Amino acid sequence: MTYRVCFVCTGNICRSPMAEIVFRARVADAGLDGEVVVDSAGTGGWHEGEAADPRTAVVLAENGYATGHTARQFRPSWFSRLDLVIALDSGHLAALRRLAPTEQDARKVRLLRSYDPAAGDDLDVPDPYYGGADGFEECLEMVEAASDGLLAAVREDMEGRAA
């Protein structure tokens, strides 16, 4: 059975595509390609059809990640096919839970940094859009730090379903 994860931020051009690409690389490194499908979307449709922010692409490329991405808007109908919906900040978390058609769907929504034990109480990944390159680098660091914990949680969930 395929496990599906969708990362969500505001416009789907900075944080969520970065998380998607980093997590997809972790999934591939773990040998779970084909078993775990990873994508991303935005809470709004302002950037639908656009590529990732060039600063996102640069930071990803400089750190050895792929960079292809096309923005899209999250649709409530997707909940039925997704196992996890990963919000990049608490505003996205609240918006996604409001969109969820059922309580079961709302429980699928989690904050990315909740998978980073070193994150403490501040679980938001700050929006780098209005800042400089350092904000995109900080975003990547936060995404990478949470990705290992997320991968472990996905594996555990997959094993639980197989049992």
Protein backbone atom coordinates (compact mmCIF):
# COMPACT_ATOMS: atom_id res chain seq x y z
CA MET A 1 0.00 0.00 0.00
CA THR A 2 1.35 3.42 -0.96
CA TYR A 3 1.79 5.98 1.82
CA ARG A 4 1.06 9.58 0.77
CA VAL A 5 2.43 12.76 2.35
CA CYS A 6 1.62 16.32 1.27
CA PHE A 7 3.48 19.38 2.60
CA VAL A 8 1.49 22.63 2.73
CA CYS A 9 2.50 26.29 3.13
CA THR A 10 0.86 29.49 1.89
CA GLY A 11 1.74 29.80 -1.80
CA ASN A 12 3.61 26.55 -2.48
CA ILE A 13 6.71 28.29 -3.81
CA CYS A 14 9.06 28.43 -0.78
CA ARG A 15 8.63 26.26 2.30
CA SER A 16 6.41 23.40 1.13
CA PRO A 17 8.31 22.66 -2.10
CA MET A 18 11.54 22.72 -0.09
CA ALA A 19 10.07 20.25 2.38
CA GLU A 20 8.70 18.09 -0.44
CA ILE A 21 12.05 17.90 -2.21
CA VAL A 22 14.09 17.27 0.94
CA PHE A 23 11.69 14.62 2.22
CA ARG A 24 11.51 12.92 -1.18
CA ALA A 25 15.32 12.66 -1.08
CA ARG A 26 15.14 11.11 2.42
CA VAL A 27 12.53 8.63 1.18
CA ALA A 28 14.75 7.67 -1.77
CA ASP A 29 17.82 7.31 0.47
CA ALA A 30 15.79 5.00 2.72
CA GLY A 31 14.86 2.80 -0.25
CA LEU A 32 11.17 3.66 0.05
CA ASP A 33 10.68 5.08 -3.45
CA GLY A 34 7.36 3.83 -4.75
CA GLU A 35 6.14 3.04 -1.25
CA VAL A 36 5.99 6.67 -0.10
CA VAL A 37 4.68 9.36 -2.43
CA VAL A 38 5.55 12.95 -1.55
CA ASP A 39 4.08 16.18 -2.92
CA SER A 40 3.17 19.70 -1.81
CA ALA A 41 0.58 22.44 -2.19
CA GLY A 42 -0.39 25.88 -0.92
CA THR A 43 -3.36 27.00 1.13
CA GLY A 44 -3.97 29.62 -1.55
CA GLY A 45 -3.79 29.56 -5.32
CA TRP A 46 -1.83 32.79 -5.91
CA HIS A 47 1.14 31.01 -7.46
CA GLU A 48 -0.54 28.03 -9.14
CA GLY A 49 1.43 26.90 -12.16
CA GLU A 50 4.58 28.80 -11.16
CA ALA A 51 7.98 27.30 -10.41
CA ALA A 52 9.47 27.44 -6.92
CA ASP A 53 10.85 30.79 -5.79
CA PRO A 54 14.33 31.13 -7.37
CA ARG A 55 15.86 31.50 -3.90
CA THR A 56 14.36 28.15 -2.91
CA ALA A 57 15.82 26.55 -6.03
CA VAL A 58 19.27 28.05 -5.36
CA VAL A 59 19.40 26.89 -1.73
CA LEU A 60 18.24 23.40 -2.71
CA ALA A 61 20.73 23.13 -5.59
CA GLU A 62 23.60 24.42 -3.44
CA ASN A 63 22.83 21.63 -0.99
CA GLY A 64 22.61 18.83 -3.55
CA TYR A 65 18.85 18.57 -3.96
CA ALA A 66 16.71 18.45 -7.09
CA THR A 67 14.83 21.62 -7.94
CA GLY A 68 11.86 20.89 -10.26
CA HIS A 69 8.50 22.09 -8.91
CA THR A 70 5.16 23.55 -10.04
CA ALA A 71 2.93 25.27 -7.47
CA ARG A 72 -0.66 24.21 -6.87
CA GLN A 73 -3.42 24.82 -4.33
CA PHE A 74 -4.46 22.23 -1.76
CA ARG A 75 -7.96 20.82 -2.28
CA PRO A 76 -10.11 19.38 0.55
CA SER A 77 -10.96 16.40 -1.66
CA TRP A 78 -7.30 15.29 -1.39
CA PHE A 79 -7.69 14.33 2.27
CA SER A 80 -9.26 11.00 1.32
CA ARG A 81 -6.13 9.86 -0.53
CA LEU A 82 -3.52 11.31 1.86
CA ASP A 83 -2.06 9.67 4.95
CA LEU A 84 -0.35 12.80 6.32
CA VAL A 85 -0.77 16.49 5.59
CA ILE A 86 2.24 18.37 6.91
CA ALA A 87 1.73 22.06 7.69
CA LEU A 88 4.74 24.36 7.74
CA ASP A 89 3.32 26.75 10.36
CA SER A 90 0.44 27.03 12.82
CA GLY A 91 -1.60 29.21 10.45
CA HIS A 92 -1.47 26.46 7.82
CA LEU A 93 -2.31 23.89 10.48
CA ALA A 94 -5.47 25.77 11.47
CA ALA A 95 -6.49 26.42 7.85
CA LEU A 96 -6.03 22.77 6.87
CA ARG A 97 -7.95 21.49 9.87
CA ARG A 98 -10.82 23.83 8.95
CA LEU A 99 -10.77 22.42 5.40
CA ALA A 100 -10.81 18.81 6.58
CA PRO A 101 -14.14 17.17 5.70
CA THR A 102 -14.03 14.84 8.74
CA GLU A 103 -12.40 14.61 12.18
CA GLN A 104 -10.35 11.69 10.89
CA ASP A 105 -9.03 13.94 8.09
CA ALA A 106 -8.26 16.74 10.56
CA ARG A 107 -6.13 14.30 12.58
CA LYS A 108 -3.94 13.74 9.50
CA VAL A 109 -2.67 17.34 9.72
CA ARG A 110 0.57 17.83 11.65
CA LEU A 111 3.25 20.51 11.98
CA LEU A 112 6.56 19.61 10.33
CA ARG A 113 8.73 20.75 13.21
CA SER A 114 6.80 18.52 15.63
CA TYR A 115 9.04 15.78 14.21
CA ASP A 116 12.21 17.60 15.34
CA PRO A 117 12.91 16.86 19.01
CA ALA A 118 15.24 19.88 19.21
CA ALA A 119 12.54 22.32 17.99
CA GLY A 120 11.17 23.04 21.47
CA ASP A 121 7.91 24.99 21.60
CA ASP A 122 8.41 27.04 18.42
CA LEU A 123 7.11 24.68 15.75
CA ASP A 124 6.63 27.19 12.94
CA VAL A 125 8.97 27.31 9.95
CA PRO A 126 9.23 31.08 9.31
CA ASP A 127 8.21 32.31 5.87
CA PRO A 128 11.42 33.36 4.06
CA TYR A 129 9.59 35.00 1.13
CA TYR A 130 10.02 38.64 2.20
CA GLY A 131 13.60 38.25 3.40
CA GLY A 132 17.01 37.42 2.03
CA ALA A 133 18.87 34.22 1.24
CA ASP A 134 19.63 33.57 4.91
CA GLY A 135 15.92 32.96 5.56
CA PHE A 136 15.86 30.26 2.88
CA GLU A 137 18.96 28.65 4.36
CA GLU A 138 17.34 28.69 7.82
CA CYS A 139 14.21 27.15 6.32
CA LEU A 140 16.27 24.35 4.78
CA GLU A 141 17.99 23.66 8.11
CA MET A 142 14.61 23.37 9.86
CA VAL A 143 13.20 21.13 7.13
CA GLU A 144 16.24 18.85 7.20
CA ALA A 145 16.18 18.66 11.01
CA ALA A 146 12.54 17.50 11.02
CA SER A 147 12.78 15.16 8.03
CA ASP A 148 14.52 12.30 9.85
CA GLY A 149 11.88 12.25 12.58
CA LEU A 150 9.12 12.44 10.00
CA LEU A 151 10.64 9.54 8.07
CA ALA A 152 10.79 7.46 11.26
CA ALA A 153 7.12 8.27 11.98
CA VAL A 154 6.08 7.34 8.45
CA ARG A 155 7.96 4.03 8.68
CA GLU A 156 6.33 3.26 12.02
CA ASP A 157 2.89 4.06 10.64
CA MET A 158 3.52 1.91 7.57
CA GLU A 159 4.69 -1.00 9.73
CA GLY A 160 1.60 -0.62 11.94
CA ARG A 161 -0.65 -0.86 8.92
CA ALA A 162 1.14 -3.94 7.61
CA ALA A 163 0.79 -5.79 10.94
